[in-house]
PDB file of N, CA and C in Angstrom:
ATOM      1  N   UNK A   1      91.594  93.127 111.696  1.00  0.00           N
ATOM      2  CA  UNK A   1      92.269  93.823 110.630  1.00  0.00           C
ATOM      3  C   UNK A   1      91.863  95.291 110.718  1.00  0.00           C
ATOM      4  N   UNK A   2      92.813  96.132 110.389  1.00  0.00           N
ATOM      5  CA  UNK A   2      92.557  97.568 110.365  1.00  0.00           C
ATOM      6  C   UNK A   2      93.191  98.129 109.102  1.00  0.00           C
ATOM      7  N   UNK A   3      92.459  98.992 108.416  1.00  0.00           N
ATOM      8  CA  UNK A   3      93.001  99.646 107.227  1.00  0.00           C
ATOM      9  C   UNK A   3      92.912 101.150 107.408  1.00  0.00           C
ATOM     10  N   UNK A   4      93.952 101.837 107.020  1.00  0.00           N
ATOM     11  CA  UNK A   4      93.988 103.296 107.098  1.00  0.00           C
ATOM     12  C   UNK A   4      94.551 103.857 105.806  1.00  0.00           C
ATOM     13  N   UNK A   5      93.869 104.843 105.271  1.00  0.00           N
ATOM     14  CA  UNK A   5      94.402 105.593 104.141  1.00  0.00           C
ATOM     15  C   UNK A   5      95.450 106.551 104.698  1.00  0.00           C
ATOM     16  N   UNK A   6      96.614 106.598 104.079  1.00  0.00           N
ATOM     17  CA  UNK A   6      97.663 107.491 104.547  1.00  0.00           C
ATOM     18  C   UNK A   6      97.173 108.942 104.463  1.00  0.00           C
ATOM     19  N   UNK A   7      97.582 109.780 105.388  1.00  0.00           N
ATOM     20  CA  UNK A   7      97.085 111.158 105.447  1.00  0.00           C
ATOM     21  C   UNK A   7      97.204 111.934 104.133  1.00  0.00           C
ATOM     22  N   UNK A   8      98.255 111.670 103.374  1.00  0.00           N
ATOM     23  CA  UNK A   8      98.422 112.389 102.105  1.00  0.00           C
ATOM     24  C   UNK A   8      97.701 111.712 100.940  1.00  0.00           C
ATOM     25  N   UNK A   9      96.987 110.610 101.228  1.00  0.00           N
ATOM     26  CA  UNK A   9      96.233 109.908 100.191  1.00  0.00           C
ATOM     27  C   UNK A   9      97.068 109.087  99.243  1.00  0.00           C
ATOM     28  N   UNK A  10      98.346 108.892  99.562  1.00  0.00           N
ATOM     29  CA  UNK A  10      99.251 108.203  98.634  1.00  0.00           C
ATOM     30  C   UNK A  10      99.195 106.686  98.722  1.00  0.00           C
ATOM     31  N   UNK A  11      98.467 106.131  99.672  1.00  0.00           N
ATOM     32  CA  UNK A  11      98.415 104.681  99.792  1.00  0.00           C
ATOM     33  C   UNK A  11      97.699 104.236 101.043  1.00  0.00           C
ATOM     34  N   UNK A  12      97.783 102.944 101.286  1.00  0.00           N
ATOM     35  CA  UNK A  12      97.092 102.323 102.409  1.00  0.00           C
ATOM     36  C   UNK A  12      98.077 101.658 103.359  1.00  0.00           C
ATOM     37  N   UNK A  13      97.709 101.656 104.634  1.00  0.00           N
ATOM     38  CA  UNK A  13      98.422 100.853 105.624  1.00  0.00           C
ATOM     39  C   UNK A  13      97.408  99.857 106.172  1.00  0.00           C
ATOM     40  N   UNK A  14      97.765  98.581 106.151  1.00  0.00           N
ATOM     41  CA  UNK A  14      96.879  97.510 106.622  1.00  0.00           C
ATOM     42  C   UNK A  14      97.570  96.799 107.774  1.00  0.00           C
ATOM     43  N   UNK A  15      96.849  96.666 108.876  1.00  0.00           N
ATOM     44  CA  UNK A  15      97.375  95.968 110.051  1.00  0.00           C
ATOM     45  C   UNK A  15      96.516  94.731 110.292  1.00  0.00           C
ATOM     46  N   UNK A  16      97.161  93.582 110.409  1.00  0.00           N
ATOM     47  CA  UNK A  16      96.472  92.318 110.663  1.00  0.00           C
ATOM     48  C   UNK A  16      97.020  91.732 111.956  1.00  0.00           C
ATOM     49  N   UNK A  17      96.118  91.312 112.844  1.00  0.00           N
ATOM     50  CA  UNK A  17      96.527  90.663 114.092  1.00  0.00           C
ATOM     51  C   UNK A  17      96.107  89.205 114.035  1.00  0.00           C
ATOM     52  N   UNK A  18      97.024  88.323 114.423  1.00  0.00           N
ATOM     53  CA  UNK A  18      96.788  86.887 114.330  1.00  0.00           C
ATOM     54  C   UNK A  18      96.990  86.200 115.674  1.00  0.00           C
ATOM     55  N   UNK A  19      96.200  85.177 115.910  1.00  0.00           N
ATOM     56  CA  UNK A  19      96.405  84.259 117.025  1.00  0.00           C
ATOM     57  C   UNK A  19      96.772  82.924 116.397  1.00  0.00           C
ATOM     58  N   UNK A  20      97.883  82.339 116.834  1.00  0.00           N
ATOM     59  CA  UNK A  20      98.354  81.083 116.260  1.00  0.00           C
ATOM     60  C   UNK A  20      98.033  79.909 117.162  1.00  0.00           C
ATOM     61  N   UNK A  21      97.944  78.746 116.565  1.00  0.00           N
ATOM     62  CA  UNK A  21      97.844  77.498 117.311  1.00  0.00           C
ATOM     63  C   UNK A  21      99.266  77.000 117.526  1.00  0.00           C
ATOM     64  N   UNK A  22      99.533  76.500 118.725  1.00  0.00           N
ATOM     65  CA  UNK A  22     100.890  76.024 119.027  1.00  0.00           C
ATOM     66  C   UNK A  22     101.367  75.066 117.944  1.00  0.00           C
ATOM     67  N   UNK A  23     102.662  75.064 117.738  1.00  0.00           N
ATOM     68  CA  UNK A  23     103.243  74.201 116.718  1.00  0.00           C
ATOM     69  C   UNK A  23     103.463  74.911 115.391  1.00  0.00           C
ATOM     70  N   UNK A  24     102.946  76.124 115.237  1.00  0.00           N
ATOM     71  CA  UNK A  24     103.158  76.908 114.025  1.00  0.00           C
ATOM     72  C   UNK A  24     104.181  77.992 114.335  1.00  0.00           C
ATOM     73  N   UNK A  25     105.153  78.139 113.471  1.00  0.00           N
ATOM     74  CA  UNK A  25     106.177  79.165 113.682  1.00  0.00           C
ATOM     75  C   UNK A  25     105.608  80.543 113.368  1.00  0.00           C
ATOM     76  N   UNK A  26     105.743  81.447 114.328  1.00  0.00           N
ATOM     77  CA  UNK A  26     105.185  82.791 114.184  1.00  0.00           C
ATOM     78  C   UNK A  26     105.751  83.514 112.966  1.00  0.00           C
ATOM     79  N   UNK A  27     107.054  83.431 112.762  1.00  0.00           N
ATOM     80  CA  UNK A  27     107.666  84.159 111.655  1.00  0.00           C
ATOM     81  C   UNK A  27     107.186  83.628 110.298  1.00  0.00           C
ATOM     82  N   UNK A  28     107.039  82.316 110.176  1.00  0.00           N
ATOM     83  CA  UNK A  28     106.558  81.741 108.918  1.00  0.00           C
ATOM     84  C   UNK A  28     105.110  82.127 108.654  1.00  0.00           C
ATOM     85  N   UNK A  29     104.290  82.044 109.686  1.00  0.00           N
ATOM     86  CA  UNK A  29     102.878  82.393 109.538  1.00  0.00           C
ATOM     87  C   UNK A  29     102.721  83.870 109.215  1.00  0.00           C
ATOM     88  N   UNK A  30     103.438  84.728 109.936  1.00  0.00           N
ATOM     89  CA  UNK A  30     103.350  86.167 109.685  1.00  0.00           C
ATOM     90  C   UNK A  30     103.775  86.502 108.259  1.00  0.00           C
ATOM     91  N   UNK A  31     104.837  85.882 107.803  1.00  0.00           N
ATOM     92  CA  UNK A  31     105.307  86.127 106.427  1.00  0.00           C
ATOM     93  C   UNK A  31     104.268  85.669 105.406  1.00  0.00           C
ATOM     94  N   UNK A  32     103.669  84.515 105.636  1.00  0.00           N
ATOM     95  CA  UNK A  32     102.647  84.002 104.724  1.00  0.00           C
ATOM     96  C   UNK A  32     101.421  84.913 104.689  1.00  0.00           C
ATOM     97  N   UNK A  33     100.942  85.306 105.860  1.00  0.00           N
ATOM     98  CA  UNK A  33      99.772  86.198 105.923  1.00  0.00           C
ATOM     99  C   UNK A  33     100.098  87.525 105.241  1.00  0.00           C
ATOM    100  N   UNK A  34     101.275  88.068 105.504  1.00  0.00           N
ATOM    101  CA  UNK A  34     101.693  89.324 104.882  1.00  0.00           C
ATOM    102  C   UNK A  34     101.630  89.224 103.359  1.00  0.00           C
ATOM    103  N   UNK A  35     102.240  88.174 102.827  1.00  0.00           N
ATOM    104  CA  UNK A  35     102.293  88.011 101.377  1.00  0.00           C
ATOM    105  C   UNK A  35     100.899  87.829 100.778  1.00  0.00           C
ATOM    106  N   UNK A  36     100.052  87.053 101.441  1.00  0.00           N
ATOM    107  CA  UNK A  36      98.691  86.812 100.941  1.00  0.00           C
ATOM    108  C   UNK A  36      97.850  88.093 100.959  1.00  0.00           C
ATOM    109  N   UNK A  37      97.907  88.821 102.058  1.00  0.00           N
ATOM    110  CA  UNK A  37      97.127  90.061 102.172  1.00  0.00           C
ATOM    111  C   UNK A  37      97.621  91.096 101.167  1.00  0.00           C
ATOM    112  N   UNK A  38      98.919  91.302 101.124  1.00  0.00           N
ATOM    113  CA  UNK A  38      99.478  92.306 100.217  1.00  0.00           C
ATOM    114  C   UNK A  38      99.141  91.976  98.762  1.00  0.00           C
ATOM    115  N   UNK A  39      99.299  90.710  98.396  1.00  0.00           N
ATOM    116  CA  UNK A  39      98.982  90.299  97.026  1.00  0.00           C
ATOM    117  C   UNK A  39      97.522  90.503  96.670  1.00  0.00           C
ATOM    118  N   UNK A  40      96.632  90.158  97.594  1.00  0.00           N
ATOM    119  CA  UNK A  40      95.195  90.314  97.347  1.00  0.00           C
ATOM    120  C   UNK A  40      94.812  91.790  97.212  1.00  0.00           C
ATOM    121  N   UNK A  41      95.355  92.621  98.080  1.00  0.00           N
ATOM    122  CA  UNK A  41      95.024  94.049  98.036  1.00  0.00           C
ATOM    123  C   UNK A  41      95.575  94.693  96.773  1.00  0.00           C
ATOM    124  N   UNK A  42      96.818  94.409  96.427  1.00  0.00           N
ATOM    125  CA  UNK A  42      97.397  94.981  95.213  1.00  0.00           C
ATOM    126  C   UNK A  42      96.630  94.537  93.975  1.00  0.00           C
ATOM    127  N   UNK A  43      96.220  93.280  93.942  1.00  0.00           N
ATOM    128  CA  UNK A  43      95.443  92.767  92.814  1.00  0.00           C
ATOM    129  C   UNK A  43      94.096  93.485  92.712  1.00  0.00           C
ATOM    130  N   UNK A  44      93.442  93.649  93.839  1.00  0.00           N
ATOM    131  CA  UNK A  44      92.143  94.345  93.867  1.00  0.00           C
ATOM    132  C   UNK A  44      92.294  95.787  93.395  1.00  0.00           C
ATOM    133  N   UNK A  45      93.290  96.486  93.929  1.00  0.00           N
ATOM    134  CA  UNK A  45      93.484  97.888  93.556  1.00  0.00           C
ATOM    135  C   UNK A  45      93.821  98.028  92.083  1.00  0.00           C
ATOM    136  N   UNK A  46      94.649  97.139  91.559  1.00  0.00           N
ATOM    137  CA  UNK A  46      95.018  97.189  90.140  1.00  0.00           C
ATOM    138  C   UNK A  46      93.798  96.936  89.255  1.00  0.00           C
ATOM    139  N   UNK A  47      92.943  96.014  89.662  1.00  0.00           N
ATOM    140  CA  UNK A  47      91.747  95.692  88.879  1.00  0.00           C
ATOM    141  C   UNK A  47      90.756  96.851  88.850  1.00  0.00           C
ATOM    142  N   UNK A  48      90.838  97.720  89.844  1.00  0.00           N
ATOM    143  CA  UNK A  48      89.920  98.854  89.924  1.00  0.00           C
ATOM    144  C   UNK A  48      90.594 100.178  89.551  1.00  0.00           C
ATOM    145  N   UNK A  49      91.752 100.058  88.895  1.00  0.00           N
ATOM    146  CA  UNK A  49      92.430 101.239  88.393  1.00  0.00           C
ATOM    147  C   UNK A  49      92.936 102.184  89.463  1.00  0.00           C
ATOM    148  N   UNK A  50      93.274 101.646  90.628  1.00  0.00           N
ATOM    149  CA  UNK A  50      93.743 102.488  91.726  1.00  0.00           C
ATOM    150  C   UNK A  50      95.077 101.993  92.269  1.00  0.00           C
ATOM    151  N   UNK A  51      96.108 101.963  91.417  1.00  0.00           N
ATOM    152  CA  UNK A  51      97.405 101.484  91.915  1.00  0.00           C
ATOM    153  C   UNK A  51      98.033 102.503  92.861  1.00  0.00           C
ATOM    154  N   UNK A  52      98.112 102.150  94.133  1.00  0.00           N
ATOM    155  CA  UNK A  52      98.734 103.006  95.140  1.00  0.00           C
ATOM    156  C   UNK A  52      99.637 102.144  96.010  1.00  0.00           C
ATOM    157  N   UNK A  53     100.443 102.789  96.822  1.00  0.00           N
ATOM    158  CA  UNK A  53     101.336 102.072  97.725  1.00  0.00           C
ATOM    159  C   UNK A  53     100.527 101.368  98.813  1.00  0.00           C
ATOM    160  N   UNK A  54     100.988 100.183  99.204  1.00  0.00           N
ATOM    161  CA  UNK A  54     100.342  99.416 100.263  1.00  0.00           C
ATOM    162  C   UNK A  54     101.420  98.896 101.206  1.00  0.00           C
ATOM    163  N   UNK A  55     101.260  99.169 102.489  1.00  0.00           N
ATOM    164  CA  UNK A  55     102.126  98.558 103.489  1.00  0.00           C
ATOM    165  C   UNK A  55     101.257  97.662 104.357  1.00  0.00           C
ATOM    166  N   UNK A  56     101.818  96.519 104.721  1.00  0.00           N
ATOM    167  CA  UNK A  56     101.086  95.540 105.528  1.00  0.00           C
ATOM    168  C   UNK A  56     101.936  95.201 106.740  1.00  0.00           C
ATOM    169  N   UNK A  57     101.311  95.272 107.920  1.00  0.00           N
ATOM    170  CA  UNK A  57     101.968  94.903 109.168  1.00  0.00           C
ATOM    171  C   UNK A  57     101.215  93.738 109.775  1.00  0.00           C
ATOM    172  N   UNK A  58     101.933  92.687 110.155  1.00  0.00           N
ATOM    173  CA  UNK A  58     101.339  91.515 110.786  1.00  0.00           C
ATOM    174  C   UNK A  58     101.844  91.451 112.223  1.00  0.00           C
ATOM    175  N   UNK A  59     100.916  91.289 113.163  1.00  0.00           N
ATOM    176  CA  UNK A  59     101.277  91.145 114.570  1.00  0.00           C
ATOM    177  C   UNK A  59     100.696  89.845 115.096  1.00  0.00           C
ATOM    178  N   UNK A  60     101.548  88.995 115.655  1.00  0.00           N
ATOM    179  CA  UNK A  60     101.079  87.775 116.316  1.00  0.00           C
ATOM    180  C   UNK A  60     100.810  88.159 117.767  1.00  0.00           C
ATOM    181  N   UNK A  61      99.546  88.115 118.162  1.00  0.00           N
ATOM    182  CA  UNK A  61      99.169  88.589 119.493  1.00  0.00           C
ATOM    183  C   UNK A  61      99.321  87.527 120.566  1.00  0.00           C
ATOM    184  N   UNK A  62      99.171  86.260 120.180  1.00  0.00           N
ATOM    185  CA  UNK A  62      99.405  85.179 121.141  1.00  0.00           C
ATOM    186  C   UNK A  62      99.420  83.848 120.409  1.00  0.00           C
ATOM    187  N   UNK A  63      99.896  82.848 121.136  1.00  0.00           N
ATOM    188  CA  UNK A  63      99.892  81.473 120.628  1.00  0.00           C
ATOM    189  C   UNK A  63      99.046  80.670 121.604  1.00  0.00           C
ATOM    190  N   UNK A  64      98.057  79.962 121.078  1.00  0.00           N
ATOM    191  CA  UNK A  64      97.138  79.220 121.918  1.00  0.00           C
ATOM    192  C   UNK A  64      97.382  77.718 121.802  1.00  0.00           C
ATOM    193  N   UNK A  65      97.051  77.001 122.852  1.00  0.00           N
ATOM    194  CA  UNK A  65      97.211  75.548 122.842  1.00  0.00           C
ATOM    195  C   UNK A  65      96.201  74.913 121.906  1.00  0.00           C
ATOM    196  N   UNK A  66      96.598  73.839 121.306  1.00  0.00           N
ATOM    197  CA  UNK A  66      95.711  73.082 120.444  1.00  0.00           C
ATOM    198  C   UNK A  66      94.715  72.324 121.300  1.00  0.00           C
ATOM    199  N   UNK A  67      93.444  72.315 120.896  1.00  0.00           N
ATOM    200  CA  UNK A  67      92.411  71.608 121.647  1.00  0.00           C
ATOM    201  C   UNK A  67      92.438  70.135 121.237  1.00  0.00           C
ATOM    202  N   UNK A  68      92.819  69.264 122.170  1.00  0.00           N
ATOM    203  CA  UNK A  68      92.924  67.838 121.858  1.00  0.00           C
ATOM    204  C   UNK A  68      91.678  67.052 122.271  1.00  0.00           C
ATOM    205  N   UNK A  69      90.602  67.760 122.688  1.00  0.00           N
ATOM    206  CA  UNK A  69      89.386  67.076 123.141  1.00  0.00           C
ATOM    207  C   UNK A  69      88.411  66.825 122.013  1.00  0.00           C
ATOM    208  N   UNK A  70      88.601  67.483 120.899  1.00  0.00           N
ATOM    209  CA  UNK A  70      87.633  67.365 119.785  1.00  0.00           C
ATOM    210  C   UNK A  70      87.840  66.090 119.013  1.00  0.00           C
TER     211      UNK A  70
END
């Protein structure tokens, strides 16, 4: 995960990179992670009196095989 304050101080940009296990749809997982991260950050900022804009980018970097030996 990477977080950057926008140059003008008007908000945050958060980048999350994910590795998926085969059998999970990338678009569904990315959407879920996006919603969870954005909701958590907005809630935290609101609780601390710092309501600012937040953008969240999710990148699926690869899909890995499920380990069937365990």
